[in-house]
């Protein structure tokens, strides 16, 4: 596949109850019950650190069920992408995304067919334009209620074409021409 300019930061976060304890660092989760989609990457992240932090993991089939566990008091937090936590908190005002996030540099990006460099490059330039004029940041804030990361890809144009560090990334510089 060819990947287009990244449009989002895949930052890990936690959804908590507004009335619950605040999470400012991972240590704040010691001994807590954390809801998660069973078998996903967040489940693996929590499981790998469970003996170190002593949390209990409640596994659910859907993110909405994990969020409901927090809302009903069955869990202290639910681990998910911070954008999802923001969106869910907009849907249920008793919930809030945690201050603590884990940014390990992962991004969201659209993919196109491997042989279609023309389409990838065209979409890449369009993504750069909506970053430059603030449209992408406004969309992110509208749907999540959150501000994009200051140094993140929502606000930063990636040089070249595609996702830097991925196969088929093209570092060729190009002028930004927006309509």
C-alpha atoms as a PDB file:
ATOM      1  CA  UNK A   1       0.000   0.000   0.000  1.00  0.00           C
ATOM      2  CA  UNK A   2       0.930   3.630  -0.333  1.00  0.00           C
ATOM      3  CA  UNK A   3       0.096   5.833   2.608  1.00  0.00           C
ATOM      4  CA  UNK A   4      -1.015   9.437   2.322  1.00  0.00           C
ATOM      5  CA  UNK A   5       0.245  12.304   4.517  1.00  0.00           C
ATOM      6  CA  UNK A   6      -0.827  11.382   8.076  1.00  0.00           C
ATOM      7  CA  UNK A   7      -3.996  13.071   9.298  1.00  0.00           C
ATOM      8  CA  UNK A   8      -4.034  12.130  12.971  1.00  0.00           C
ATOM      9  CA  UNK A   9      -1.925  11.207  15.958  1.00  0.00           C
ATOM     10  CA  UNK A  10      -2.780   7.744  17.301  1.00  0.00           C
ATOM     11  CA  UNK A  11      -2.271   8.814  20.909  1.00  0.00           C
ATOM     12  CA  UNK A  12      -3.308   6.411  23.663  1.00  0.00           C
ATOM     13  CA  UNK A  13      -5.468   7.816  26.418  1.00  0.00           C
ATOM     14  CA  UNK A  14      -8.004   7.039  29.088  1.00  0.00           C
ATOM     15  CA  UNK A  15     -11.654   7.880  29.496  1.00  0.00           C
ATOM     16  CA  UNK A  16     -12.638   8.565  33.091  1.00  0.00           C
ATOM     17  CA  UNK A  17     -15.601   9.754  35.078  1.00  0.00           C
ATOM     18  CA  UNK A  18     -15.656  13.503  35.741  1.00  0.00           C
ATOM     19  CA  UNK A  19     -16.351  12.702  39.379  1.00  0.00           C
ATOM     20  CA  UNK A  20     -13.548  10.140  39.580  1.00  0.00           C
ATOM     21  CA  UNK A  21      -9.857  10.505  40.373  1.00  0.00           C
ATOM     22  CA  UNK A  22      -7.803  12.432  37.835  1.00  0.00           C
ATOM     23  CA  UNK A  23      -5.111  10.621  35.877  1.00  0.00           C
ATOM     24  CA  UNK A  24      -2.028  12.785  35.335  1.00  0.00           C
ATOM     25  CA  UNK A  25       0.526   9.951  35.107  1.00  0.00           C
ATOM     26  CA  UNK A  26       0.526   6.178  34.707  1.00  0.00           C
ATOM     27  CA  UNK A  27       1.173   5.705  38.437  1.00  0.00           C
ATOM     28  CA  UNK A  28      -2.255   7.221  39.131  1.00  0.00           C
ATOM     29  CA  UNK A  29      -3.731   4.002  37.681  1.00  0.00           C
ATOM     30  CA  UNK A  30      -2.054   1.725  40.272  1.00  0.00           C
ATOM     31  CA  UNK A  31      -4.588  -0.661  41.750  1.00  0.00           C
ATOM     32  CA  UNK A  32      -7.408   0.709  39.577  1.00  0.00           C
ATOM     33  CA  UNK A  33      -9.846  -1.182  37.361  1.00  0.00           C
ATOM     34  CA  UNK A  34      -9.395  -0.393  33.685  1.00  0.00           C
ATOM     35  CA  UNK A  35     -11.888  -1.304  30.974  1.00  0.00           C
ATOM     36  CA  UNK A  36     -10.688  -2.146  27.486  1.00  0.00           C
ATOM     37  CA  UNK A  37     -11.691  -3.828  24.233  1.00  0.00           C
ATOM     38  CA  UNK A  38     -10.568  -7.407  24.660  1.00  0.00           C
ATOM     39  CA  UNK A  39      -7.634  -8.471  22.512  1.00  0.00           C
ATOM     40  CA  UNK A  40      -6.835  -5.039  21.064  1.00  0.00           C
ATOM     41  CA  UNK A  41      -3.528  -3.186  21.340  1.00  0.00           C
ATOM     42  CA  UNK A  42      -4.638  -1.401  24.515  1.00  0.00           C
ATOM     43  CA  UNK A  43      -5.455  -4.761  26.115  1.00  0.00           C
ATOM     44  CA  UNK A  44      -1.914  -5.914  25.247  1.00  0.00           C
ATOM     45  CA  UNK A  45      -0.389  -2.664  26.593  1.00  0.00           C
ATOM     46  CA  UNK A  46      -2.256  -3.016  29.897  1.00  0.00           C
ATOM     47  CA  UNK A  47      -1.531  -6.751  30.202  1.00  0.00           C
ATOM     48  CA  UNK A  48       2.213  -6.188  29.666  1.00  0.00           C
ATOM     49  CA  UNK A  49       2.273  -3.753  32.599  1.00  0.00           C
ATOM     50  CA  UNK A  50      -0.320  -5.369  34.869  1.00  0.00           C
ATOM     51  CA  UNK A  51       2.153  -6.925  37.316  1.00  0.00           C
ATOM     52  CA  UNK A  52       4.066  -3.636  37.603  1.00  0.00           C
ATOM     53  CA  UNK A  53       1.016  -1.454  38.316  1.00  0.00           C
ATOM     54  CA  UNK A  54      -1.408  -3.940  39.858  1.00  0.00           C
ATOM     55  CA  UNK A  55      -4.442  -2.848  37.901  1.00  0.00           C
ATOM     56  CA  UNK A  56      -7.414  -5.042  37.134  1.00  0.00           C
ATOM     57  CA  UNK A  57      -8.395  -5.286  33.489  1.00  0.00           C
ATOM     58  CA  UNK A  58     -12.088  -5.586  32.574  1.00  0.00           C
ATOM     59  CA  UNK A  59     -12.367  -6.732  28.976  1.00  0.00           C
ATOM     60  CA  UNK A  60     -15.349  -5.888  26.757  1.00  0.00           C
ATOM     61  CA  UNK A  61     -16.356  -6.626  23.172  1.00  0.00           C
ATOM     62  CA  UNK A  62     -16.803  -2.958  22.223  1.00  0.00           C
ATOM     63  CA  UNK A  63     -15.295   0.397  23.161  1.00  0.00           C
ATOM     64  CA  UNK A  64     -18.793   1.687  23.933  1.00  0.00           C
ATOM     65  CA  UNK A  65     -19.187  -1.103  26.522  1.00  0.00           C
ATOM     66  CA  UNK A  66     -15.844  -0.142  28.102  1.00  0.00           C
ATOM     67  CA  UNK A  67     -17.030   3.482  28.267  1.00  0.00           C
ATOM     68  CA  UNK A  68     -20.339   2.357  29.809  1.00  0.00           C
ATOM     69  CA  UNK A  69     -18.352   0.487  32.477  1.00  0.00           C
ATOM     70  CA  UNK A  70     -16.689   3.768  33.442  1.00  0.00           C
ATOM     71  CA  UNK A  71     -19.995   5.668  33.406  1.00  0.00           C
ATOM     72  CA  UNK A  72     -21.636   3.050  35.646  1.00  0.00           C
ATOM     73  CA  UNK A  73     -18.719   2.800  38.081  1.00  0.00           C
ATOM     74  CA  UNK A  74     -17.636  -0.726  37.075  1.00  0.00           C
ATOM     75  CA  UNK A  75     -14.243   0.653  36.013  1.00  0.00           C
ATOM     76  CA  UNK A  76     -12.104   3.637  37.016  1.00  0.00           C
ATOM     77  CA  UNK A  77     -10.984   4.268  33.432  1.00  0.00           C
ATOM     78  CA  UNK A  78     -11.182   2.860  29.918  1.00  0.00           C
ATOM     79  CA  UNK A  79      -8.092   2.802  27.715  1.00  0.00           C
ATOM     80  CA  UNK A  80      -8.537   3.861  24.082  1.00  0.00           C
ATOM     81  CA  UNK A  81      -7.270   6.341  21.535  1.00  0.00           C
ATOM     82  CA  UNK A  82      -7.537   9.843  23.003  1.00  0.00           C
ATOM     83  CA  UNK A  83      -9.616  10.988  19.996  1.00  0.00           C
ATOM     84  CA  UNK A  84     -12.180   8.284  20.809  1.00  0.00           C
ATOM     85  CA  UNK A  85     -12.125   9.306  24.482  1.00  0.00           C
ATOM     86  CA  UNK A  86     -12.787  12.909  23.458  1.00  0.00           C
ATOM     87  CA  UNK A  87     -15.671  11.925  21.183  1.00  0.00           C
ATOM     88  CA  UNK A  88     -17.240   9.678  23.832  1.00  0.00           C
ATOM     89  CA  UNK A  89     -16.924  12.450  26.439  1.00  0.00           C
ATOM     90  CA  UNK A  90     -18.805  14.768  24.069  1.00  0.00           C
ATOM     91  CA  UNK A  91     -21.601  12.175  23.933  1.00  0.00           C
ATOM     92  CA  UNK A  92     -21.729  11.678  27.713  1.00  0.00           C
ATOM     93  CA  UNK A  93     -20.906  14.743  29.802  1.00  0.00           C
ATOM     94  CA  UNK A  94     -20.306  12.589  32.896  1.00  0.00           C
ATOM     95  CA  UNK A  95     -17.132  11.319  31.189  1.00  0.00           C
ATOM     96  CA  UNK A  96     -13.857  13.066  30.411  1.00  0.00           C
ATOM     97  CA  UNK A  97     -10.576  12.195  28.681  1.00  0.00           C
ATOM     98  CA  UNK A  98      -7.630  11.928  31.071  1.00  0.00           C
ATOM     99  CA  UNK A  99      -4.817  14.471  31.147  1.00  0.00           C
ATOM    100  CA  UNK A 100      -2.353  11.602  30.862  1.00  0.00           C
ATOM    101  CA  UNK A 101      -1.708  10.392  27.322  1.00  0.00           C
ATOM    102  CA  UNK A 102       0.835   8.080  25.739  1.00  0.00           C
ATOM    103  CA  UNK A 103       2.282   9.422  22.501  1.00  0.00           C
ATOM    104  CA  UNK A 104       4.579   6.883  20.925  1.00  0.00           C
ATOM    105  CA  UNK A 105       4.602   8.500  17.490  1.00  0.00           C
ATOM    106  CA  UNK A 106       1.934   6.339  15.859  1.00  0.00           C
ATOM    107  CA  UNK A 107      -0.267   8.079  13.284  1.00  0.00           C
ATOM    108  CA  UNK A 108      -3.436   7.603  11.260  1.00  0.00           C
ATOM    109  CA  UNK A 109      -3.115   7.796   7.483  1.00  0.00           C
ATOM    110  CA  UNK A 110      -5.231   6.840   4.490  1.00  0.00           C
ATOM    111  CA  UNK A 111      -3.947   4.088   2.211  1.00  0.00           C
ATOM    112  CA  UNK A 112      -4.204   3.768  -1.556  1.00  0.00           C
ATOM    113  CA  UNK A 113      -3.328   1.002  -3.983  1.00  0.00           C
ATOM    114  CA  UNK A 114       0.422   0.369  -4.196  1.00  0.00           C
ATOM    115  CA  UNK A 115       0.690   1.268  -7.885  1.00  0.00           C
ATOM    116  CA  UNK A 116      -1.261   4.526  -7.682  1.00  0.00           C
ATOM    117  CA  UNK A 117       1.394   7.133  -6.824  1.00  0.00           C
ATOM    118  CA  UNK A 118      -0.574   9.780  -8.707  1.00  0.00           C
ATOM    119  CA  UNK A 119      -3.587   9.398  -6.414  1.00  0.00           C
ATOM    120  CA  UNK A 120      -1.419   9.190  -3.278  1.00  0.00           C
ATOM    121  CA  UNK A 121       0.466  12.363  -4.213  1.00  0.00           C
ATOM    122  CA  UNK A 122      -2.750  14.223  -5.070  1.00  0.00           C
ATOM    123  CA  UNK A 123      -4.383  13.242  -1.767  1.00  0.00           C
ATOM    124  CA  UNK A 124      -1.154  14.045   0.059  1.00  0.00           C
ATOM    125  CA  UNK A 125      -1.116  17.600  -1.300  1.00  0.00           C
ATOM    126  CA  UNK A 126      -4.802  18.045  -0.406  1.00  0.00           C
ATOM    127  CA  UNK A 127      -4.108  16.870   3.160  1.00  0.00           C
ATOM    128  CA  UNK A 128      -1.258  19.366   3.401  1.00  0.00           C
ATOM    129  CA  UNK A 129      -3.590  22.170   2.327  1.00  0.00           C
ATOM    130  CA  UNK A 130      -6.235  21.389   4.945  1.00  0.00           C
ATOM    131  CA  UNK A 131      -3.493  21.286   7.563  1.00  0.00           C
ATOM    132  CA  UNK A 132      -2.097  24.627   6.419  1.00  0.00           C
ATOM    133  CA  UNK A 133      -5.429  26.483   6.501  1.00  0.00           C
ATOM    134  CA  UNK A 134      -6.484  24.975   9.860  1.00  0.00           C
ATOM    135  CA  UNK A 135      -9.392  22.918   8.510  1.00  0.00           C
ATOM    136  CA  UNK A 136      -8.025  19.612   9.789  1.00  0.00           C
ATOM    137  CA  UNK A 137      -7.434  21.008  13.295  1.00  0.00           C
ATOM    138  CA  UNK A 138     -10.963  22.472  13.333  1.00  0.00           C
ATOM    139  CA  UNK A 139     -12.450  19.110  12.316  1.00  0.00           C
ATOM    140  CA  UNK A 140     -10.470  17.303  15.029  1.00  0.00           C
ATOM    141  CA  UNK A 141     -11.601  19.767  17.695  1.00  0.00           C
ATOM    142  CA  UNK A 142     -15.224  19.725  16.512  1.00  0.00           C
ATOM    143  CA  UNK A 143     -15.518  15.936  16.785  1.00  0.00           C
ATOM    144  CA  UNK A 144     -13.324  15.271  19.830  1.00  0.00           C
ATOM    145  CA  UNK A 145     -13.644  18.446  21.890  1.00  0.00           C
ATOM    146  CA  UNK A 146      -9.841  18.337  22.204  1.00  0.00           C
ATOM    147  CA  UNK A 147      -7.001  20.442  20.873  1.00  0.00           C
ATOM    148  CA  UNK A 148      -4.577  18.652  18.540  1.00  0.00           C
ATOM    149  CA  UNK A 149      -1.078  17.954  19.843  1.00  0.00           C
ATOM    150  CA  UNK A 150       1.082  21.044  19.354  1.00  0.00           C
ATOM    151  CA  UNK A 151       3.841  19.046  17.651  1.00  0.00           C
ATOM    152  CA  UNK A 152       1.488  16.443  16.149  1.00  0.00           C
ATOM    153  CA  UNK A 153       0.642  15.591  12.567  1.00  0.00           C
ATOM    154  CA  UNK A 154      -2.755  17.327  12.653  1.00  0.00           C
ATOM    155  CA  UNK A 155      -0.867  20.639  12.663  1.00  0.00           C
ATOM    156  CA  UNK A 156       2.398  19.632  10.995  1.00  0.00           C
ATOM    157  CA  UNK A 157       2.952  19.062   7.297  1.00  0.00           C
ATOM    158  CA  UNK A 158       5.133  16.021   6.648  1.00  0.00           C
ATOM    159  CA  UNK A 159       7.858  16.646   4.052  1.00  0.00           C
ATOM    160  CA  UNK A 160       7.697  14.511   0.934  1.00  0.00           C
ATOM    161  CA  UNK A 161       4.843  12.148   0.116  1.00  0.00           C
ATOM    162  CA  UNK A 162       3.396   9.582   2.499  1.00  0.00           C
ATOM    163  CA  UNK A 163       4.296   8.636   6.046  1.00  0.00           C
ATOM    164  CA  UNK A 164       7.937   9.137   6.933  1.00  0.00           C
ATOM    165  CA  UNK A 165       9.506   5.849   8.022  1.00  0.00           C
ATOM    166  CA  UNK A 166       6.974   3.669   6.196  1.00  0.00           C
ATOM    167  CA  UNK A 167       7.696   1.588   3.105  1.00  0.00           C
ATOM    168  CA  UNK A 168       7.201   3.563  -0.097  1.00  0.00           C
ATOM    169  CA  UNK A 169       7.632   6.944   1.600  1.00  0.00           C
ATOM    170  CA  UNK A 170       8.858   9.428  -1.025  1.00  0.00           C
ATOM    171  CA  UNK A 171      11.047  12.213   0.424  1.00  0.00           C
ATOM    172  CA  UNK A 172      10.797  14.302  -2.756  1.00  0.00           C
ATOM    173  CA  UNK A 173      10.233  17.946  -1.824  1.00  0.00           C
ATOM    174  CA  UNK A 174       7.304  19.703  -3.483  1.00  0.00           C
ATOM    175  CA  UNK A 175       5.716  23.128  -3.426  1.00  0.00           C
ATOM    176  CA  UNK A 176       2.464  23.542  -1.586  1.00  0.00           C
ATOM    177  CA  UNK A 177      -0.207  24.914  -3.921  1.00  0.00           C
ATOM    178  CA  UNK A 178      -3.636  25.243  -2.353  1.00  0.00           C
ATOM    179  CA  UNK A 179      -6.788  26.472  -4.069  1.00  0.00           C
END
